[in-house]
Amino acid sequence: SSRLKRARRAGGFSTSDSSMGQFDSLTIYWISSVFMILSGLPFLFLIKLVEGHKDHKRFDELGKKIKDLSTKVTDQDRRWVKCQRLLRTLENVALEANLPKFAKPGIVERYEKLLAAEADTL
């Protein structure tokens, strides 16, 4: 009786580390096992019902196509990002090579200071 009161205060959860084992009753084990099996059956029936539907095969095929397309899009996005990085790097190389030829000495000096500051942070 005191165990039942403690279980109610705990919100239905066991107040013992051994859970149902604290009762040491084969009857309780069998009854709880039967109810666990019965509670699992409706879900199995639901799965079988869904898998048995005439459109389930089409649903699976479409799911696989969506996954394949998602992978292709991700691969294309990665390629695009790599191309953008390459373009930015090439622009930086071209800028660095041509800046002394076309810019005023003050701008070249500021650019060199900027490069030095960036090198210090890395």
PDB file of N, CA and C in Angstrom:
ATOM      1  N   SER A   1       0.827  -1.199   0.000  1.00  0.00           N
ATOM      2  CA  SER A   1       0.000   0.000   0.000  1.00  0.00           C
ATOM      3  C   SER A   1       0.871   1.263   0.000  1.00  0.00           C
ATOM      4  N   SER A   2       1.934   1.264   0.800  1.00  0.00           N
ATOM      5  CA  SER A   2       2.815   2.431   0.822  1.00  0.00           C
ATOM      6  C   SER A   2       3.587   2.541  -0.490  1.00  0.00           C
ATOM      7  N   ARG A   3       3.909   1.381  -1.109  1.00  0.00           N
ATOM      8  CA  ARG A   3       4.566   1.401  -2.410  1.00  0.00           C
ATOM      9  C   ARG A   3       3.656   2.017  -3.466  1.00  0.00           C
ATOM     10  N   LEU A   4       2.392   1.660  -3.416  1.00  0.00           N
ATOM     11  CA  LEU A   4       1.429   2.193  -4.376  1.00  0.00           C
ATOM     12  C   LEU A   4       1.306   3.703  -4.223  1.00  0.00           C
ATOM     13  N   LYS A   5       1.282   4.189  -3.002  1.00  0.00           N
ATOM     14  CA  LYS A   5       1.195   5.632  -2.762  1.00  0.00           C
ATOM     15  C   LYS A   5       2.449   6.340  -3.294  1.00  0.00           C
ATOM     16  N   ARG A   6       3.622   5.722  -3.076  1.00  0.00           N
ATOM     17  CA  ARG A   6       4.852   6.337  -3.565  1.00  0.00           C
ATOM     18  C   ARG A   6       4.872   6.355  -5.094  1.00  0.00           C
ATOM     19  N   ALA A   7       4.382   5.277  -5.726  1.00  0.00           N
ATOM     20  CA  ALA A   7       4.343   5.225  -7.191  1.00  0.00           C
ATOM     21  C   ALA A   7       3.412   6.288  -7.740  1.00  0.00           C
ATOM     22  N   ARG A   8       2.297   6.526  -7.054  1.00  0.00           N
ATOM     23  CA  ARG A   8       1.379   7.572  -7.508  1.00  0.00           C
ATOM     24  C   ARG A   8       2.039   8.945  -7.399  1.00  0.00           C
ATOM     25  N   ARG A   9       2.772   9.172  -6.319  1.00  0.00           N
ATOM     26  CA  ARG A   9       3.445  10.454  -6.159  1.00  0.00           C
ATOM     27  C   ARG A   9       4.546  10.646  -7.192  1.00  0.00           C
ATOM     28  N   ALA A  10       5.115   9.547  -7.702  1.00  0.00           N
ATOM     29  CA  ALA A  10       6.184   9.636  -8.694  1.00  0.00           C
ATOM     30  C   ALA A  10       5.637   9.733 -10.108  1.00  0.00           C
ATOM     31  N   GLY A  11       4.343   9.898 -10.246  1.00  0.00           N
ATOM     32  CA  GLY A  11       3.749  10.049 -11.571  1.00  0.00           C
ATOM     33  C   GLY A  11       3.610   8.734 -12.316  1.00  0.00           C
ATOM     34  N   GLY A  12       3.548   7.615 -11.599  1.00  0.00           N
ATOM     35  CA  GLY A  12       3.390   6.324 -12.239  1.00  0.00           C
ATOM     36  C   GLY A  12       4.711   5.632 -12.515  1.00  0.00           C
ATOM     37  N   PHE A  13       5.817   6.340 -12.370  1.00  0.00           N
ATOM     38  CA  PHE A  13       7.124   5.732 -12.568  1.00  0.00           C
ATOM     39  C   PHE A  13       7.539   5.019 -11.287  1.00  0.00           C
ATOM     40  N   SER A  14       8.395   4.037 -11.432  1.00  0.00           N
ATOM     41  CA  SER A  14       8.833   3.267 -10.284  1.00  0.00           C
ATOM     42  C   SER A  14       9.728   4.109  -9.381  1.00  0.00           C
ATOM     43  N   THR A  15       9.590   3.863  -8.100  1.00  0.00           N
ATOM     44  CA  THR A  15      10.437   4.558  -7.135  1.00  0.00           C
ATOM     45  C   THR A  15      11.626   3.700  -6.738  1.00  0.00           C
ATOM     46  N   SER A  16      11.771   2.559  -7.420  1.00  0.00           N
ATOM     47  CA  SER A  16      12.859   1.639  -7.108  1.00  0.00           C
ATOM     48  C   SER A  16      13.719   1.423  -8.346  1.00  0.00           C
ATOM     49  N   ASP A  17      14.992   1.168  -8.148  1.00  0.00           N
ATOM     50  CA  ASP A  17      15.889   0.882  -9.266  1.00  0.00           C
ATOM     51  C   ASP A  17      15.519  -0.422  -9.968  1.00  0.00           C
ATOM     52  N   SER A  18      14.890  -1.334  -9.259  1.00  0.00           N
ATOM     53  CA  SER A  18      14.581  -2.631  -9.856  1.00  0.00           C
ATOM     54  C   SER A  18      13.231  -2.638 -10.563  1.00  0.00           C
ATOM     55  N   SER A  19      12.533  -1.531 -10.610  1.00  0.00           N
ATOM     56  CA  SER A  19      11.258  -1.386 -11.318  1.00  0.00           C
ATOM     57  C   SER A  19      10.280  -2.472 -10.903  1.00  0.00           C
ATOM     58  N   MET A  20       9.789  -3.293 -11.859  1.00  0.00           N
ATOM     59  CA  MET A  20       8.833  -4.350 -11.518  1.00  0.00           C
ATOM     60  C   MET A  20       9.494  -5.471 -10.730  1.00  0.00           C
ATOM     61  N   GLY A  21      10.802  -5.547 -10.815  1.00  0.00           N
ATOM     62  CA  GLY A  21      11.517  -6.602 -10.101  1.00  0.00           C
ATOM     63  C   GLY A  21      11.372  -6.516  -8.600  1.00  0.00           C
ATOM     64  N   GLN A  22      11.003  -5.355  -8.085  1.00  0.00           N
ATOM     65  CA  GLN A  22      10.847  -5.209  -6.641  1.00  0.00           C
ATOM     66  C   GLN A  22       9.691  -6.038  -6.100  1.00  0.00           C
ATOM     67  N   PHE A  23       8.712  -6.375  -6.958  1.00  0.00           N
ATOM     68  CA  PHE A  23       7.567  -7.152  -6.500  1.00  0.00           C
ATOM     69  C   PHE A  23       7.877  -8.641  -6.462  1.00  0.00           C
ATOM     70  N   ASP A  24       8.860  -9.093  -7.257  1.00  0.00           N
ATOM     71  CA  ASP A  24       9.282 -10.484  -7.284  1.00  0.00           C
ATOM     72  C   ASP A  24       8.081 -11.423  -7.441  1.00  0.00           C
ATOM     73  N   SER A  25       7.273 -11.143  -8.473  1.00  0.00           N
ATOM     74  CA  SER A  25       6.065 -11.933  -8.695  1.00  0.00           C
ATOM     75  C   SER A  25       6.007 -12.364 -10.156  1.00  0.00           C
ATOM     76  N   LEU A  26       5.940 -13.678 -10.369  1.00  0.00           N
ATOM     77  CA  LEU A  26       5.853 -14.225 -11.713  1.00  0.00           C
ATOM     78  C   LEU A  26       4.543 -13.810 -12.378  1.00  0.00           C
ATOM     79  N   THR A  27       3.493 -13.664 -11.613  1.00  0.00           N
ATOM     80  CA  THR A  27       2.193 -13.246 -12.148  1.00  0.00           C
ATOM     81  C   THR A  27       2.287 -11.842 -12.749  1.00  0.00           C
ATOM     82  N   ILE A  28       2.931 -10.946 -12.056  1.00  0.00           N
ATOM     83  CA  ILE A  28       3.070  -9.576 -12.556  1.00  0.00           C
ATOM     84  C   ILE A  28       3.906  -9.569 -13.830  1.00  0.00           C
ATOM     85  N   TYR A  29       4.957 -10.376 -13.888  1.00  0.00           N
ATOM     86  CA  TYR A  29       5.786 -10.457 -15.100  1.00  0.00           C
ATOM     87  C   TYR A  29       4.966 -10.944 -16.287  1.00  0.00           C
ATOM     88  N   TRP A  30       4.173 -11.989 -16.093  1.00  0.00           N
ATOM     89  CA  TRP A  30       3.381 -12.554 -17.193  1.00  0.00           C
ATOM     90  C   TRP A  30       2.303 -11.569 -17.662  1.00  0.00           C
ATOM     91  N   ILE A  31       1.615 -10.960 -16.713  1.00  0.00           N
ATOM     92  CA  ILE A  31       0.552 -10.015 -17.080  1.00  0.00           C
ATOM     93  C   ILE A  31       1.141  -8.827 -17.836  1.00  0.00           C
ATOM     94  N   SER A  32       2.269  -8.282 -17.352  1.00  0.00           N
ATOM     95  CA  SER A  32       2.877  -7.140 -18.032  1.00  0.00           C
ATOM     96  C   SER A  32       3.410  -7.548 -19.407  1.00  0.00           C
ATOM     97  N   SER A  33       3.929  -8.766 -19.529  1.00  0.00           N
ATOM     98  CA  SER A  33       4.417  -9.236 -20.831  1.00  0.00           C
ATOM     99  C   SER A  33       3.286  -9.343 -21.835  1.00  0.00           C
ATOM    100  N   VAL A  34       2.149  -9.872 -21.415  1.00  0.00           N
ATOM    101  CA  VAL A  34       0.994  -9.995 -22.311  1.00  0.00           C
ATOM    102  C   VAL A  34       0.549  -8.612 -22.785  1.00  0.00           C
ATOM    103  N   PHE A  35       0.477  -7.661 -21.875  1.00  0.00           N
ATOM    104  CA  PHE A  35       0.037  -6.326 -22.274  1.00  0.00           C
ATOM    105  C   PHE A  35       1.068  -5.616 -23.160  1.00  0.00           C
ATOM    106  N   MET A  36       2.355  -5.875 -22.947  1.00  0.00           N
ATOM    107  CA  MET A  36       3.369  -5.293 -23.828  1.00  0.00           C
ATOM    108  C   MET A  36       3.236  -5.844 -25.241  1.00  0.00           C
ATOM    109  N   ILE A  37       2.995  -7.149 -25.354  1.00  0.00           N
ATOM    110  CA  ILE A  37       2.819  -7.750 -26.683  1.00  0.00           C
ATOM    111  C   ILE A  37       1.549  -7.207 -27.341  1.00  0.00           C
ATOM    112  N   LEU A  38       0.462  -7.126 -26.581  1.00  0.00           N
ATOM    113  CA  LEU A  38      -0.789  -6.609 -27.139  1.00  0.00           C
ATOM    114  C   LEU A  38      -0.659  -5.147 -27.575  1.00  0.00           C
ATOM    115  N   SER A  39       0.090  -4.367 -26.844  1.00  0.00           N
ATOM    116  CA  SER A  39       0.233  -2.956 -27.223  1.00  0.00           C
ATOM    117  C   SER A  39       1.101  -2.797 -28.461  1.00  0.00           C
ATOM    118  N   GLY A  40       1.956  -3.760 -28.746  1.00  0.00           N
ATOM    119  CA  GLY A  40       2.791  -3.686 -29.940  1.00  0.00           C
ATOM    120  C   GLY A  40       2.095  -4.164 -31.195  1.00  0.00           C
ATOM    121  N   LEU A  41       1.055  -4.961 -31.065  1.00  0.00           N
ATOM    122  CA  LEU A  41       0.374  -5.523 -32.237  1.00  0.00           C
ATOM    123  C   LEU A  41      -0.285  -4.476 -33.130  1.00  0.00           C
ATOM    124  N   PRO A  42      -1.017  -3.513 -32.608  1.00  0.00           N
ATOM    125  CA  PRO A  42      -1.664  -2.561 -33.511  1.00  0.00           C
ATOM    126  C   PRO A  42      -0.679  -1.817 -34.404  1.00  0.00           C
ATOM    127  N   PHE A  43       0.488  -1.516 -33.900  1.00  0.00           N
ATOM    128  CA  PHE A  43       1.472  -0.832 -34.718  1.00  0.00           C
ATOM    129  C   PHE A  43       1.940  -1.732 -35.863  1.00  0.00           C
ATOM    130  N   LEU A  44       2.154  -3.003 -35.577  1.00  0.00           N
ATOM    131  CA  LEU A  44       2.541  -3.943 -36.627  1.00  0.00           C
ATOM    132  C   LEU A  44       1.441  -4.053 -37.682  1.00  0.00           C
ATOM    133  N   PHE A  45       0.211  -4.082 -37.227  1.00  0.00           N
ATOM    134  CA  PHE A  45      -0.905  -4.144 -38.179  1.00  0.00           C
ATOM    135  C   PHE A  45      -0.957  -2.887 -39.042  1.00  0.00           C
ATOM    136  N   LEU A  46      -0.700  -1.742 -38.428  1.00  0.00           N
ATOM    137  CA  LEU A  46      -0.687  -0.482 -39.172  1.00  0.00           C
ATOM    138  C   LEU A  46       0.410  -0.491 -40.236  1.00  0.00           C
ATOM    139  N   ILE A  47       1.580  -0.984 -39.870  1.00  0.00           N
ATOM    140  CA  ILE A  47       2.689  -1.064 -40.838  1.00  0.00           C
ATOM    141  C   ILE A  47       2.296  -1.974 -42.003  1.00  0.00           C
ATOM    142  N   LYS A  48       1.737  -3.132 -41.695  1.00  0.00           N
ATOM    143  CA  LYS A  48       1.334  -4.076 -42.748  1.00  0.00           C
ATOM    144  C   LYS A  48       0.250  -3.460 -43.631  1.00  0.00           C
ATOM    145  N   LEU A  49      -0.659  -2.712 -43.029  1.00  0.00           N
ATOM    146  CA  LEU A  49      -1.724  -2.070 -43.796  1.00  0.00           C
ATOM    147  C   LEU A  49      -1.152  -1.043 -44.767  1.00  0.00           C
ATOM    148  N   VAL A  50      -0.218  -0.231 -44.301  1.00  0.00           N
ATOM    149  CA  VAL A  50       0.396   0.790 -45.160  1.00  0.00           C
ATOM    150  C   VAL A  50       1.220   0.131 -46.264  1.00  0.00           C
ATOM    151  N   GLU A  51       2.026  -0.875 -45.895  1.00  0.00           N
ATOM    152  CA  GLU A  51       2.860  -1.536 -46.895  1.00  0.00           C
ATOM    153  C   GLU A  51       2.029  -2.322 -47.903  1.00  0.00           C
ATOM    154  N   GLY A  52       0.848  -2.737 -47.518  1.00  0.00           N
ATOM    155  CA  GLY A  52      -0.011  -3.489 -48.419  1.00  0.00           C
ATOM    156  C   GLY A  52      -0.834  -2.611 -49.351  1.00  0.00           C
ATOM    157  N   HIS A  53      -0.809  -1.302 -49.143  1.00  0.00           N
ATOM    158  CA  HIS A  53      -1.603  -0.400 -49.983  1.00  0.00           C
ATOM    159  C   HIS A  53      -1.069  -0.421 -51.415  1.00  0.00           C
ATOM    160  N   LYS A  54      -1.971  -0.275 -52.375  1.00  0.00           N
ATOM    161  CA  LYS A  54      -1.585  -0.382 -53.787  1.00  0.00           C
ATOM    162  C   LYS A  54      -0.582   0.688 -54.221  1.00  0.00           C
ATOM    163  N   ASP A  55      -0.573   1.837 -53.577  1.00  0.00           N
ATOM    164  CA  ASP A  55       0.317   2.928 -53.976  1.00  0.00           C
ATOM    165  C   ASP A  55       1.623   2.975 -53.167  1.00  0.00           C
ATOM    166  N   HIS A  56       1.817   2.017 -52.264  1.00  0.00           N
ATOM    167  CA  HIS A  56       3.006   2.047 -51.408  1.00  0.00           C
ATOM    168  C   HIS A  56       4.290   1.881 -52.214  1.00  0.00           C
ATOM    169  N   LYS A  57       4.267   1.003 -53.206  1.00  0.00           N
ATOM    170  CA  LYS A  57       5.464   0.793 -54.029  1.00  0.00           C
ATOM    171  C   LYS A  57       5.834   2.084 -54.755  1.00  0.00           C
ATOM    172  N   ARG A  58       4.839   2.774 -55.285  1.00  0.00           N
ATOM    173  CA  ARG A  58       5.071   4.054 -55.968  1.00  0.00           C
ATOM    174  C   ARG A  58       5.617   5.095 -54.990  1.00  0.00           C
ATOM    175  N   PHE A  59       5.080   5.086 -53.775  1.00  0.00           N
ATOM    176  CA  PHE A  59       5.541   5.999 -52.727  1.00  0.00           C
ATOM    177  C   PHE A  59       7.022   5.770 -52.434  1.00  0.00           C
ATOM    178  N   ASP A  60       7.425   4.502 -52.310  1.00  0.00           N
ATOM    179  CA  ASP A  60       8.841   4.183 -52.077  1.00  0.00           C
ATOM    180  C   ASP A  60       9.714   4.643 -53.235  1.00  0.00           C
ATOM    181  N   GLU A  61       9.249   4.409 -54.461  1.00  0.00           N
ATOM    182  CA  GLU A  61      10.018   4.822 -55.644  1.00  0.00           C
ATOM    183  C   GLU A  61      10.208   6.336 -55.668  1.00  0.00           C
ATOM    184  N   LEU A  62       9.136   7.061 -55.382  1.00  0.00           N
ATOM    185  CA  LEU A  62       9.226   8.526 -55.366  1.00  0.00           C
ATOM    186  C   LEU A  62      10.163   9.011 -54.252  1.00  0.00           C
ATOM    187  N   GLY A  63      10.130   8.334 -53.121  1.00  0.00           N
ATOM    188  CA  GLY A  63      11.031   8.696 -52.033  1.00  0.00           C
ATOM    189  C   GLY A  63      12.490   8.518 -52.432  1.00  0.00           C
ATOM    190  N   LYS A  64      12.783   7.445 -53.155  1.00  0.00           N
ATOM    191  CA  LYS A  64      14.151   7.200 -53.620  1.00  0.00           C
ATOM    192  C   LYS A  64      14.563   8.249 -54.656  1.00  0.00           C
ATOM    193  N   LYS A  65      13.635   8.618 -55.541  1.00  0.00           N
ATOM    194  CA  LYS A  65      13.936   9.656 -56.534  1.00  0.00           C
ATOM    195  C   LYS A  65      14.229  10.992 -55.855  1.00  0.00           C
ATOM    196  N   ILE A  66      13.440  11.312 -54.846  1.00  0.00           N
ATOM    197  CA  ILE A  66      13.656  12.567 -54.109  1.00  0.00           C
ATOM    198  C   ILE A  66      15.030  12.560 -53.457  1.00  0.00           C
ATOM    199  N   LYS A  67      15.410  11.427 -52.864  1.00  0.00           N
ATOM    200  CA  LYS A  67      16.723  11.331 -52.230  1.00  0.00           C
ATOM    201  C   LYS A  67      17.842  11.490 -53.259  1.00  0.00           C
ATOM    202  N   ASP A  68      17.694  10.851 -54.427  1.00  0.00           N
ATOM    203  CA  ASP A  68      18.703  10.972 -55.484  1.00  0.00           C
ATOM    204  C   ASP A  68      18.821  12.407 -55.981  1.00  0.00           C
ATOM    205  N   LEU A  69      17.672  13.067 -56.189  1.00  0.00           N
ATOM    206  CA  LEU A  69      17.697  14.461 -56.654  1.00  0.00           C
ATOM    207  C   LEU A  69      18.325  15.374 -55.606  1.00  0.00           C
ATOM    208  N   SER A  70      18.038  15.107 -54.347  1.00  0.00           N
ATOM    209  CA  SER A  70      18.624  15.917 -53.276  1.00  0.00           C
ATOM    210  C   SER A  70      20.144  15.770 -53.268  1.00  0.00           C
ATOM    211  N   THR A  71      20.621  14.553 -53.494  1.00  0.00           N
ATOM    212  CA  THR A  71      22.064  14.320 -53.548  1.00  0.00           C
ATOM    213  C   THR A  71      22.684  15.048 -54.737  1.00  0.00           C
ATOM    214  N   LYS A  72      22.001  15.028 -55.883  1.00  0.00           N
ATOM    215  CA  LYS A  72      22.512  15.719 -57.068  1.00  0.00           C
ATOM    216  C   LYS A  72      22.572  17.230 -56.831  1.00  0.00           C
ATOM    217  N   VAL A  73      21.540  17.763 -56.213  1.00  0.00           N
ATOM    218  CA  VAL A  73      21.512  19.205 -55.933  1.00  0.00           C
ATOM    219  C   VAL A  73      22.652  19.577 -54.984  1.00  0.00           C
ATOM    220  N   THR A  74      22.865  18.759 -53.973  1.00  0.00           N
ATOM    221  CA  THR A  74      23.951  19.027 -53.033  1.00  0.00           C
ATOM    222  C   THR A  74      25.301  18.994 -53.742  1.00  0.00           C
ATOM    223  N   ASP A  75      25.496  18.011 -54.622  1.00  0.00           N
ATOM    224  CA  ASP A  75      26.749  17.930 -55.379  1.00  0.00           C
ATOM    225  C   ASP A  75      26.932  19.151 -56.280  1.00  0.00           C
ATOM    226  N   GLN A  76      25.860  19.582 -56.931  1.00  0.00           N
ATOM    227  CA  GLN A  76      25.948  20.763 -57.795  1.00  0.00           C
ATOM    228  C   GLN A  76      26.236  22.020 -56.980  1.00  0.00           C
ATOM    229  N   ASP A  77      25.638  22.118 -55.808  1.00  0.00           N
ATOM    230  CA  ASP A  77      25.918  23.271 -54.937  1.00  0.00           C
ATOM    231  C   ASP A  77      27.383  23.295 -54.519  1.00  0.00           C
ATOM    232  N   ARG A  78      27.929  22.130 -54.214  1.00  0.00           N
ATOM    233  CA  ARG A  78      29.349  22.065 -53.828  1.00  0.00           C
ATOM    234  C   ARG A  78      30.240  22.490 -54.989  1.00  0.00           C
ATOM    235  N   ARG A  79      29.909  22.036 -56.187  1.00  0.00           N
ATOM    236  CA  ARG A  79      30.702  22.432 -57.360  1.00  0.00           C
ATOM    237  C   ARG A  79      30.626  23.941 -57.574  1.00  0.00           C
ATOM    238  N   TRP A  80      29.434  24.516 -57.436  1.00  0.00           N
ATOM    239  CA  TRP A  80      29.256  25.952 -57.620  1.00  0.00           C
ATOM    240  C   TRP A  80      30.110  26.721 -56.603  1.00  0.00           C
ATOM    241  N   VAL A  81      30.092  26.279 -55.351  1.00  0.00           N
ATOM    242  CA  VAL A  81      30.881  26.952 -54.314  1.00  0.00           C
ATOM    243  C   VAL A  81      32.367  26.863 -54.637  1.00  0.00           C
ATOM    244  N   LYS A  82      32.811  25.695 -55.089  1.00  0.00           N
ATOM    245  CA  LYS A  82      34.226  25.546 -55.454  1.00  0.00           C
ATOM    246  C   LYS A  82      34.596  26.467 -56.615  1.00  0.00           C
ATOM    247  N   CYS A  83      33.697  26.591 -57.590  1.00  0.00           N
ATOM    248  CA  CYS A  83      33.956  27.505 -58.722  1.00  0.00           C
ATOM    249  C   CYS A  83      34.028  28.950 -58.239  1.00  0.00           C
ATOM    250  N   GLN A  84      33.157  29.331 -57.335  1.00  0.00           N
ATOM    251  CA  GLN A  84      33.183  30.694 -56.799  1.00  0.00           C
ATOM    252  C   GLN A  84      34.483  30.963 -56.046  1.00  0.00           C
ATOM    253  N   ARG A  85      34.946  29.971 -55.284  1.00  0.00           N
ATOM    254  CA  ARG A  85      36.222  30.138 -54.574  1.00  0.00           C
ATOM    255  C   ARG A  85      37.369  30.283 -55.563  1.00  0.00           C
ATOM    256  N   LEU A  86      37.343  29.474 -56.620  1.00  0.00           N
ATOM    257  CA  LEU A  86      38.395  29.566 -57.638  1.00  0.00           C
ATOM    258  C   LEU A  86      38.390  30.949 -58.293  1.00  0.00           C
ATOM    259  N   LEU A  87      37.198  31.437 -58.660  1.00  0.00           N
ATOM    260  CA  LEU A  87      37.101  32.767 -59.277  1.00  0.00           C
ATOM    261  C   LEU A  87      37.631  33.848 -58.348  1.00  0.00           C
ATOM    262  N   ARG A  88      37.270  33.768 -57.076  1.00  0.00           N
ATOM    263  CA  ARG A  88      37.740  34.770 -56.120  1.00  0.00           C
ATOM    264  C   ARG A  88      39.265  34.711 -55.990  1.00  0.00           C
ATOM    265  N   THR A  89      39.813  33.510 -55.940  1.00  0.00           N
ATOM    266  CA  THR A  89      41.266  33.363 -55.844  1.00  0.00           C
ATOM    267  C   THR A  89      41.958  33.911 -57.080  1.00  0.00           C
ATOM    268  N   LEU A  90      41.401  33.602 -58.251  1.00  0.00           N
ATOM    269  CA  LEU A  90      41.989  34.111 -59.493  1.00  0.00           C
ATOM    270  C   LEU A  90      41.927  35.638 -59.561  1.00  0.00           C
ATOM    271  N   GLU A  91      40.817  36.210 -59.117  1.00  0.00           N
ATOM    272  CA  GLU A  91      40.703  37.673 -59.095  1.00  0.00           C
ATOM    273  C   GLU A  91      41.743  38.280 -58.153  1.00  0.00           C
ATOM    274  N   ASN A  92      41.944  37.640 -56.997  1.00  0.00           N
ATOM    275  CA  ASN A  92      42.945  38.146 -56.050  1.00  0.00           C
ATOM    276  C   ASN A  92      44.350  38.064 -56.629  1.00  0.00           C
ATOM    277  N   VAL A  93      44.640  36.966 -57.325  1.00  0.00           N
ATOM    278  CA  VAL A  93      45.964  36.827 -57.949  1.00  0.00           C
ATOM    279  C   VAL A  93      46.154  37.890 -59.024  1.00  0.00           C
ATOM    280  N   ALA A  94      45.125  38.086 -59.858  1.00  0.00           N
ATOM    281  CA  ALA A  94      45.216  39.099 -60.916  1.00  0.00           C
ATOM    282  C   ALA A  94      45.354  40.497 -60.320  1.00  0.00           C
ATOM    283  N   LEU A  95      44.620  40.774 -59.272  1.00  0.00           N
ATOM    284  CA  LEU A  95      44.708  42.081 -58.615  1.00  0.00           C
ATOM    285  C   LEU A  95      46.111  42.304 -58.058  1.00  0.00           C
ATOM    286  N   GLU A  96      46.636  41.303 -57.377  1.00  0.00           N
ATOM    287  CA  GLU A  96      47.965  41.463 -56.781  1.00  0.00           C
ATOM    288  C   GLU A  96      49.044  41.635 -57.859  1.00  0.00           C
ATOM    289  N   ALA A  97      48.902  40.927 -58.972  1.00  0.00           N
ATOM    290  CA  ALA A  97      49.911  41.025 -60.040  1.00  0.00           C
ATOM    291  C   ALA A  97      49.826  42.362 -60.772  1.00  0.00           C
ATOM    292  N   ASN A  98      48.630  42.913 -60.915  1.00  0.00           N
ATOM    293  CA  ASN A  98      48.463  44.124 -61.734  1.00  0.00           C
ATOM    294  C   ASN A  98      48.341  45.413 -60.934  1.00  0.00           C
ATOM    295  N   LEU A  99      48.156  45.309 -59.630  1.00  0.00           N
ATOM    296  CA  LEU A  99      47.986  46.518 -58.817  1.00  0.00           C
ATOM    297  C   LEU A  99      49.188  47.460 -58.919  1.00  0.00           C
ATOM    298  N   PRO A 100      50.423  46.969 -58.806  1.00  0.00           N
ATOM    299  CA  PRO A 100      51.566  47.909 -58.906  1.00  0.00           C
ATOM    300  C   PRO A 100      51.666  48.583 -60.269  1.00  0.00           C
ATOM    301  N   LYS A 101      51.147  47.961 -61.298  1.00  0.00           N
ATOM    302  CA  LYS A 101      51.246  48.535 -62.644  1.00  0.00           C
ATOM    303  C   LYS A 101      50.272  49.691 -62.858  1.00  0.00           C
ATOM    304  N   PHE A 102      49.109  49.632 -62.223  1.00  0.00           N
ATOM    305  CA  PHE A 102      48.056  50.593 -62.542  1.00  0.00           C
ATOM    306  C   PHE A 102      47.642  51.500 -61.384  1.00  0.00           C
ATOM    307  N   ALA A 103      47.944  51.129 -60.148  1.00  0.00           N
ATOM    308  CA  ALA A 103      47.486  51.918 -58.995  1.00  0.00           C
ATOM    309  C   ALA A 103      48.552  52.907 -58.552  1.00  0.00           C
ATOM    310  N   LYS A 104      48.110  53.915 -57.831  1.00  0.00           N
ATOM    311  CA  LYS A 104      49.036  54.907 -57.265  1.00  0.00           C
ATOM    312  C   LYS A 104      49.836  54.244 -56.143  1.00  0.00           C
ATOM    313  N   PRO A 105      51.030  54.737 -55.877  1.00  0.00           N
ATOM    314  CA  PRO A 105      51.875  54.127 -54.826  1.00  0.00           C
ATOM    315  C   PRO A 105      51.188  54.072 -53.457  1.00  0.00           C
ATOM    316  N   GLY A 106      50.365  55.058 -53.116  1.00  0.00           N
ATOM    317  CA  GLY A 106      49.661  55.051 -51.822  1.00  0.00           C
ATOM    318  C   GLY A 106      48.701  53.875 -51.699  1.00  0.00           C
ATOM    319  N   ILE A 107      48.021  53.562 -52.774  1.00  0.00           N
ATOM    320  CA  ILE A 107      47.076  52.443 -52.773  1.00  0.00           C
ATOM    321  C   ILE A 107      47.837  51.118 -52.653  1.00  0.00           C
ATOM    322  N   VAL A 108      48.954  51.022 -53.369  1.00  0.00           N
ATOM    323  CA  VAL A 108      49.770  49.805 -53.289  1.00  0.00           C
ATOM    324  C   VAL A 108      50.271  49.611 -51.857  1.00  0.00           C
ATOM    325  N   GLU A 109      50.681  50.703 -51.215  1.00  0.00           N
ATOM    326  CA  GLU A 109      51.176  50.622 -49.844  1.00  0.00           C
ATOM    327  C   GLU A 109      50.071  50.170 -48.885  1.00  0.00           C
ATOM    328  N   ARG A 110      48.861  50.714 -49.048  1.00  0.00           N
ATOM    329  CA  ARG A 110      47.739  50.296 -48.199  1.00  0.00           C
ATOM    330  C   ARG A 110      47.413  48.825 -48.419  1.00  0.00           C
ATOM    331  N   TYR A 111      47.490  48.380 -49.666  1.00  0.00           N
ATOM    332  CA  TYR A 111      47.228  46.984 -49.991  1.00  0.00           C
ATOM    333  C   TYR A 111      48.264  46.075 -49.316  1.00  0.00           C
ATOM    334  N   GLU A 112      49.514  46.462 -49.336  1.00  0.00           N
ATOM    335  CA  GLU A 112      50.568  45.666 -48.707  1.00  0.00           C
ATOM    336  C   GLU A 112      50.389  45.618 -47.192  1.00  0.00           C
ATOM    337  N   LYS A 113      49.948  46.735 -46.584  1.00  0.00           N
ATOM    338  CA  LYS A 113      49.667  46.743 -45.148  1.00  0.00           C
ATOM    339  C   LYS A 113      48.500  45.811 -44.816  1.00  0.00           C
ATOM    340  N   LEU A 114      47.496  45.833 -45.684  1.00  0.00           N
ATOM    341  CA  LEU A 114      46.347  44.956 -45.490  1.00  0.00           C
ATOM    342  C   LEU A 114      46.772  43.489 -45.555  1.00  0.00           C
ATOM    343  N   LEU A 115      47.608  43.137 -46.519  1.00  0.00           N
ATOM    344  CA  LEU A 115      48.111  41.767 -46.619  1.00  0.00           C
ATOM    345  C   LEU A 115      48.910  41.370 -45.387  1.00  0.00           C
ATOM    346  N   ALA A 116      49.733  42.304 -44.887  1.00  0.00           N
ATOM    347  CA  ALA A 116      50.529  42.030 -43.699  1.00  0.00           C
ATOM    348  C   ALA A 116      49.619  41.810 -42.480  1.00  0.00           C
ATOM    349  N   ALA A 117      48.563  42.626 -42.361  1.00  0.00           N
ATOM    350  CA  ALA A 117      47.635  42.481 -41.250  1.00  0.00           C
ATOM    351  C   ALA A 117      46.887  41.150 -41.325  1.00  0.00           C
ATOM    352  N   GLU A 118      46.507  40.768 -42.524  1.00  0.00           N
ATOM    353  CA  GLU A 118      45.822  39.471 -42.702  1.00  0.00           C
ATOM    354  C   GLU A 118      46.757  38.320 -42.357  1.00  0.00           C
ATOM    355  N   ALA A 119      48.013  38.426 -42.728  1.00  0.00           N
ATOM    356  CA  ALA A 119      48.989  37.375 -42.444  1.00  0.00           C
ATOM    357  C   ALA A 119      49.208  37.233 -40.936  1.00  0.00           C
ATOM    358  N   ASP A 120      49.126  38.352 -40.198  1.00  0.00           N
ATOM    359  CA  ASP A 120      49.307  38.297 -38.753  1.00  0.00           C
ATOM    360  C   ASP A 120      48.143  37.585 -38.051  1.00  0.00           C
ATOM    361  N   THR A 121      46.938  37.699 -38.618  1.00  0.00           N
ATOM    362  CA  THR A 121      45.773  37.071 -37.984  1.00  0.00           C
ATOM    363  C   THR A 121      45.720  35.573 -38.244  1.00  0.00           C
ATOM    364  N   LEU A 122      46.348  35.110 -39.294  1.00  0.00           N
ATOM    365  CA  LEU A 122      46.327  33.683 -39.600  1.00  0.00           C
ATOM    366  C   LEU A 122      47.386  33.003 -38.771  1.00  0.00           C
TER     367      LEU A 122
END
